[in-house]
C-alpha cells in the first residue's frame, strides 16, 4: 500500500501549471505595438480564427483596442482588424 501521497504541483515534477492561450497571447504582445491575428497565430501555434477569437475577448475585457485597416504583404494586401495592447 502506498504510504506517501503528492498533493501539490510543486512536489511533482511531471505535472506543471501552464497559462491558457489567451493569457499567453496577452503576455507576448508588447505594449503600444500593433499586430494582426495571423501573426499571433503563427507565433503561438494555433489557427488564425482561434487567435482572432482570443483577441476579440481581450478587446471586450478592455485590455486591447482594435481598428480596421489594410495590411500589405509584398504585392498582396488584405483588410483586417489591427490590434494594439493598451
N, C-alpha and C. Protein backbone atom coordinates (compact mmCIF):
# COMPACT_ATOMS: atom_id res chain seq x y z
N UNK A 1 0.83 -1.18 0.00
CA UNK A 1 0.00 0.00 0.00
C UNK A 1 0.88 1.25 0.00
N UNK A 2 0.46 2.26 -0.73
CA UNK A 2 1.21 3.50 -0.87
C UNK A 2 1.12 4.31 0.42
N UNK A 3 2.28 4.78 0.91
CA UNK A 3 2.29 5.49 2.19
C UNK A 3 2.35 7.00 2.04
N UNK A 4 2.93 7.52 0.92
CA UNK A 4 3.02 8.96 0.72
C UNK A 4 2.19 9.36 -0.49
N UNK A 5 1.55 10.48 -0.38
CA UNK A 5 0.71 11.00 -1.45
C UNK A 5 1.18 12.40 -1.80
N UNK A 6 1.21 12.71 -3.08
CA UNK A 6 1.60 14.03 -3.55
C UNK A 6 0.32 14.84 -3.73
N UNK A 7 0.23 15.96 -3.01
CA UNK A 7 -0.98 16.78 -3.06
C UNK A 7 -0.77 18.13 -3.72
N UNK A 8 0.45 18.52 -4.00
CA UNK A 8 0.71 19.83 -4.58
C UNK A 8 1.47 19.68 -5.89
N UNK A 9 1.34 20.68 -6.74
CA UNK A 9 2.04 20.67 -8.02
C UNK A 9 3.53 20.89 -7.86
N UNK A 10 3.93 21.54 -6.78
CA UNK A 10 5.35 21.81 -6.56
C UNK A 10 6.15 20.55 -6.26
N UNK A 11 5.50 19.56 -5.69
CA UNK A 11 6.20 18.33 -5.31
C UNK A 11 6.30 17.31 -6.43
N UNK A 12 5.52 17.47 -7.49
CA UNK A 12 5.54 16.51 -8.59
C UNK A 12 6.18 17.16 -9.81
N UNK A 13 7.25 16.57 -10.33
CA UNK A 13 7.98 17.15 -11.46
C UNK A 13 7.31 16.91 -12.80
N UNK A 14 6.45 15.91 -12.90
CA UNK A 14 5.85 15.58 -14.19
C UNK A 14 4.59 16.39 -14.48
N UNK A 15 4.04 17.09 -13.49
CA UNK A 15 2.83 17.89 -13.68
C UNK A 15 3.17 19.34 -13.39
N UNK A 16 2.76 20.23 -14.29
CA UNK A 16 3.01 21.64 -14.07
C UNK A 16 1.84 22.46 -14.62
N UNK A 17 1.63 23.62 -14.04
CA UNK A 17 0.56 24.52 -14.46
C UNK A 17 1.07 25.36 -15.62
N UNK A 18 0.24 25.50 -16.63
CA UNK A 18 0.60 26.26 -17.82
C UNK A 18 -0.49 27.31 -18.06
N UNK A 19 -0.11 28.52 -18.44
CA UNK A 19 -1.14 29.54 -18.71
C UNK A 19 -1.96 29.17 -19.95
N UNK A 20 -3.23 29.59 -19.95
CA UNK A 20 -4.06 29.29 -21.11
C UNK A 20 -3.66 30.16 -22.29
N UNK A 21 -4.22 29.89 -23.45
CA UNK A 21 -3.80 30.54 -24.68
C UNK A 21 -4.05 32.05 -24.66
N UNK A 22 -5.16 32.47 -24.09
CA UNK A 22 -5.47 33.89 -24.04
C UNK A 22 -4.46 34.65 -23.19
N UNK A 23 -4.08 34.08 -22.04
CA UNK A 23 -3.07 34.71 -21.19
C UNK A 23 -1.71 34.74 -21.89
N UNK A 24 -1.40 33.69 -22.62
CA UNK A 24 -0.13 33.62 -23.33
C UNK A 24 -0.06 34.69 -24.42
N UNK A 25 -1.17 34.87 -25.15
CA UNK A 25 -1.22 35.90 -26.20
C UNK A 25 -1.05 37.28 -25.59
N UNK A 26 -1.75 37.53 -24.48
CA UNK A 26 -1.67 38.86 -23.85
C UNK A 26 -0.26 39.14 -23.33
N UNK A 27 0.38 38.13 -22.74
CA UNK A 27 1.73 38.33 -22.22
C UNK A 27 2.76 38.52 -23.32
N UNK A 28 2.55 37.91 -24.49
CA UNK A 28 3.51 38.02 -25.58
C UNK A 28 3.41 39.35 -26.33
N UNK A 29 2.25 40.00 -26.28
CA UNK A 29 2.07 41.25 -27.02
C UNK A 29 2.76 42.40 -26.31
N UNK A 30 3.63 43.14 -27.01
CA UNK A 30 4.26 44.30 -26.38
C UNK A 30 3.27 45.48 -26.31
N UNK A 31 3.46 46.32 -25.31
CA UNK A 31 2.57 47.46 -25.09
C UNK A 31 2.80 48.50 -26.19
N UNK A 32 1.71 48.97 -26.80
CA UNK A 32 1.80 50.03 -27.79
C UNK A 32 2.12 49.58 -29.20
N UNK A 33 2.40 48.30 -29.43
CA UNK A 33 2.70 47.80 -30.78
C UNK A 33 1.45 47.17 -31.38
N UNK A 34 1.34 47.23 -32.71
CA UNK A 34 0.17 46.69 -33.41
C UNK A 34 0.47 45.31 -33.97
N UNK A 35 -0.58 44.48 -34.06
CA UNK A 35 -0.45 43.14 -34.60
C UNK A 35 -1.78 42.72 -35.23
N UNK A 36 -1.74 41.63 -35.98
CA UNK A 36 -2.95 41.06 -36.57
C UNK A 36 -3.04 39.60 -36.14
N UNK A 37 -4.20 39.01 -36.34
CA UNK A 37 -4.46 37.67 -35.83
C UNK A 37 -3.58 36.61 -36.48
N UNK A 38 -3.23 36.76 -37.74
CA UNK A 38 -2.41 35.74 -38.40
C UNK A 38 -0.99 35.72 -37.83
N UNK A 39 -0.43 36.88 -37.47
CA UNK A 39 0.90 36.91 -36.85
C UNK A 39 0.87 36.30 -35.46
N UNK A 40 -0.20 36.56 -34.72
CA UNK A 40 -0.35 35.98 -33.39
C UNK A 40 -0.49 34.46 -33.50
N UNK A 41 -1.27 33.99 -34.47
CA UNK A 41 -1.48 32.56 -34.65
C UNK A 41 -0.18 31.84 -34.99
N UNK A 42 0.66 32.45 -35.83
CA UNK A 42 1.94 31.83 -36.17
C UNK A 42 2.87 31.75 -34.96
N UNK A 43 2.90 32.79 -34.15
CA UNK A 43 3.82 32.80 -33.01
C UNK A 43 3.36 31.89 -31.88
N UNK A 44 2.05 31.71 -31.72
CA UNK A 44 1.53 30.88 -30.64
C UNK A 44 1.35 29.44 -31.08
N UNK A 45 1.16 29.20 -32.36
CA UNK A 45 0.98 27.84 -32.87
C UNK A 45 -0.47 27.40 -32.88
N UNK A 46 -1.36 28.26 -33.29
CA UNK A 46 -2.79 27.95 -33.39
C UNK A 46 -3.32 28.47 -34.70
N UNK A 47 -4.61 28.35 -34.91
CA UNK A 47 -5.21 28.84 -36.15
C UNK A 47 -5.50 30.33 -36.03
N UNK A 48 -5.62 30.98 -37.18
CA UNK A 48 -5.90 32.41 -37.20
C UNK A 48 -7.28 32.72 -36.62
N UNK A 49 -8.22 31.84 -36.85
CA UNK A 49 -9.58 32.05 -36.35
C UNK A 49 -9.62 31.98 -34.82
N UNK A 50 -8.90 31.02 -34.24
CA UNK A 50 -8.86 30.91 -32.77
C UNK A 50 -8.12 32.11 -32.16
N UNK A 51 -7.04 32.55 -32.80
CA UNK A 51 -6.32 33.72 -32.31
C UNK A 51 -7.20 34.96 -32.36
N UNK A 52 -7.99 35.09 -33.44
CA UNK A 52 -8.90 36.23 -33.55
C UNK A 52 -9.96 36.19 -32.46
N UNK A 53 -10.45 35.02 -32.11
CA UNK A 53 -11.44 34.89 -31.05
C UNK A 53 -10.86 35.33 -29.70
N UNK A 54 -9.63 34.92 -29.42
CA UNK A 54 -8.99 35.32 -28.16
C UNK A 54 -8.68 36.81 -28.15
N UNK A 55 -8.26 37.36 -29.27
CA UNK A 55 -8.00 38.80 -29.35
C UNK A 55 -9.30 39.59 -29.16
N UNK A 56 -10.39 39.10 -29.70
CA UNK A 56 -11.69 39.77 -29.52
C UNK A 56 -12.14 39.73 -28.06
N UNK A 57 -11.90 38.60 -27.38
CA UNK A 57 -12.25 38.51 -25.96
C UNK A 57 -11.42 39.49 -25.13
N UNK A 58 -10.14 39.59 -25.46
CA UNK A 58 -9.29 40.55 -24.75
C UNK A 58 -9.73 41.98 -25.01
N UNK A 59 -10.25 42.25 -26.20
CA UNK A 59 -10.75 43.59 -26.52
C UNK A 59 -12.02 43.88 -25.71
N UNK A 60 -12.90 42.88 -25.56
CA UNK A 60 -14.11 43.07 -24.76
C UNK A 60 -13.77 43.32 -23.29
N UNK A 61 -12.67 42.72 -22.80
CA UNK A 61 -12.24 42.95 -21.42
C UNK A 61 -11.58 44.32 -21.24
N UNK A 62 -11.29 45.01 -22.33
CA UNK A 62 -10.69 46.33 -22.26
C UNK A 62 -9.17 46.33 -22.22
N UNK A 63 -8.54 45.20 -22.52
CA UNK A 63 -7.09 45.11 -22.50
C UNK A 63 -6.46 45.46 -23.84
N UNK A 64 -7.24 45.37 -24.92
CA UNK A 64 -6.77 45.69 -26.27
C UNK A 64 -7.73 46.66 -26.92
N UNK A 65 -7.27 47.30 -27.96
CA UNK A 65 -8.12 48.14 -28.80
C UNK A 65 -7.83 47.74 -30.25
N UNK A 66 -8.86 47.80 -31.10
CA UNK A 66 -8.65 47.39 -32.49
C UNK A 66 -9.21 48.43 -33.44
N UNK A 67 -8.71 48.36 -34.66
CA UNK A 67 -9.23 49.19 -35.75
C UNK A 67 -9.17 48.36 -37.02
N UNK A 68 -9.96 48.73 -37.99
CA UNK A 68 -9.92 48.04 -39.28
C UNK A 68 -8.97 48.78 -40.20
N UNK A 69 -8.15 48.01 -40.90
CA UNK A 69 -7.18 48.63 -41.79
C UNK A 69 -6.71 47.67 -42.85
N UNK A 70 -5.93 48.19 -43.78
CA UNK A 70 -5.39 47.39 -44.87
C UNK A 70 -3.93 47.07 -44.55
N UNK A 71 -3.60 45.77 -44.67
CA UNK A 71 -2.25 45.30 -44.40
C UNK A 71 -1.68 44.75 -45.70
N UNK A 72 -0.46 45.13 -46.02
CA UNK A 72 0.17 44.71 -47.27
C UNK A 72 1.27 43.69 -46.99
N UNK A 73 1.24 42.57 -47.73
CA UNK A 73 2.25 41.51 -47.67
C UNK A 73 2.91 41.44 -49.03
N UNK A 74 3.97 42.18 -49.23
CA UNK A 74 4.63 42.20 -50.53
C UNK A 74 3.71 42.83 -51.58
N UNK A 75 3.29 42.03 -52.58
CA UNK A 75 2.39 42.54 -53.62
C UNK A 75 0.92 42.38 -53.23
N UNK A 76 0.63 41.57 -52.22
CA UNK A 76 -0.74 41.30 -51.81
C UNK A 76 -1.13 42.18 -50.64
N UNK A 77 -2.43 42.42 -50.51
CA UNK A 77 -2.94 43.16 -49.36
C UNK A 77 -4.24 42.52 -48.90
N UNK A 78 -4.58 42.79 -47.64
CA UNK A 78 -5.82 42.29 -47.07
C UNK A 78 -6.36 43.32 -46.09
N UNK A 79 -7.66 43.34 -45.95
CA UNK A 79 -8.32 44.19 -44.96
C UNK A 79 -8.58 43.35 -43.72
N UNK A 80 -8.13 43.81 -42.58
CA UNK A 80 -8.28 43.02 -41.36
C UNK A 80 -8.32 43.96 -40.14
N UNK A 81 -8.56 43.36 -38.99
CA UNK A 81 -8.53 44.10 -37.75
C UNK A 81 -7.11 44.14 -37.22
N UNK A 82 -6.68 45.32 -36.84
CA UNK A 82 -5.34 45.54 -36.31
C UNK A 82 -5.49 45.81 -34.81
N UNK A 83 -4.85 44.99 -33.98
CA UNK A 83 -4.98 45.09 -32.54
C UNK A 83 -3.78 45.77 -31.93
N UNK A 84 -4.03 46.49 -30.82
CA UNK A 84 -2.98 47.20 -30.11
C UNK A 84 -3.20 47.02 -28.62
N UNK A 85 -2.15 46.65 -27.89
CA UNK A 85 -2.26 46.45 -26.45
C UNK A 85 -2.18 47.80 -25.74
N UNK A 86 -3.06 48.00 -24.78
CA UNK A 86 -3.07 49.26 -24.01
C UNK A 86 -2.08 49.21 -22.87
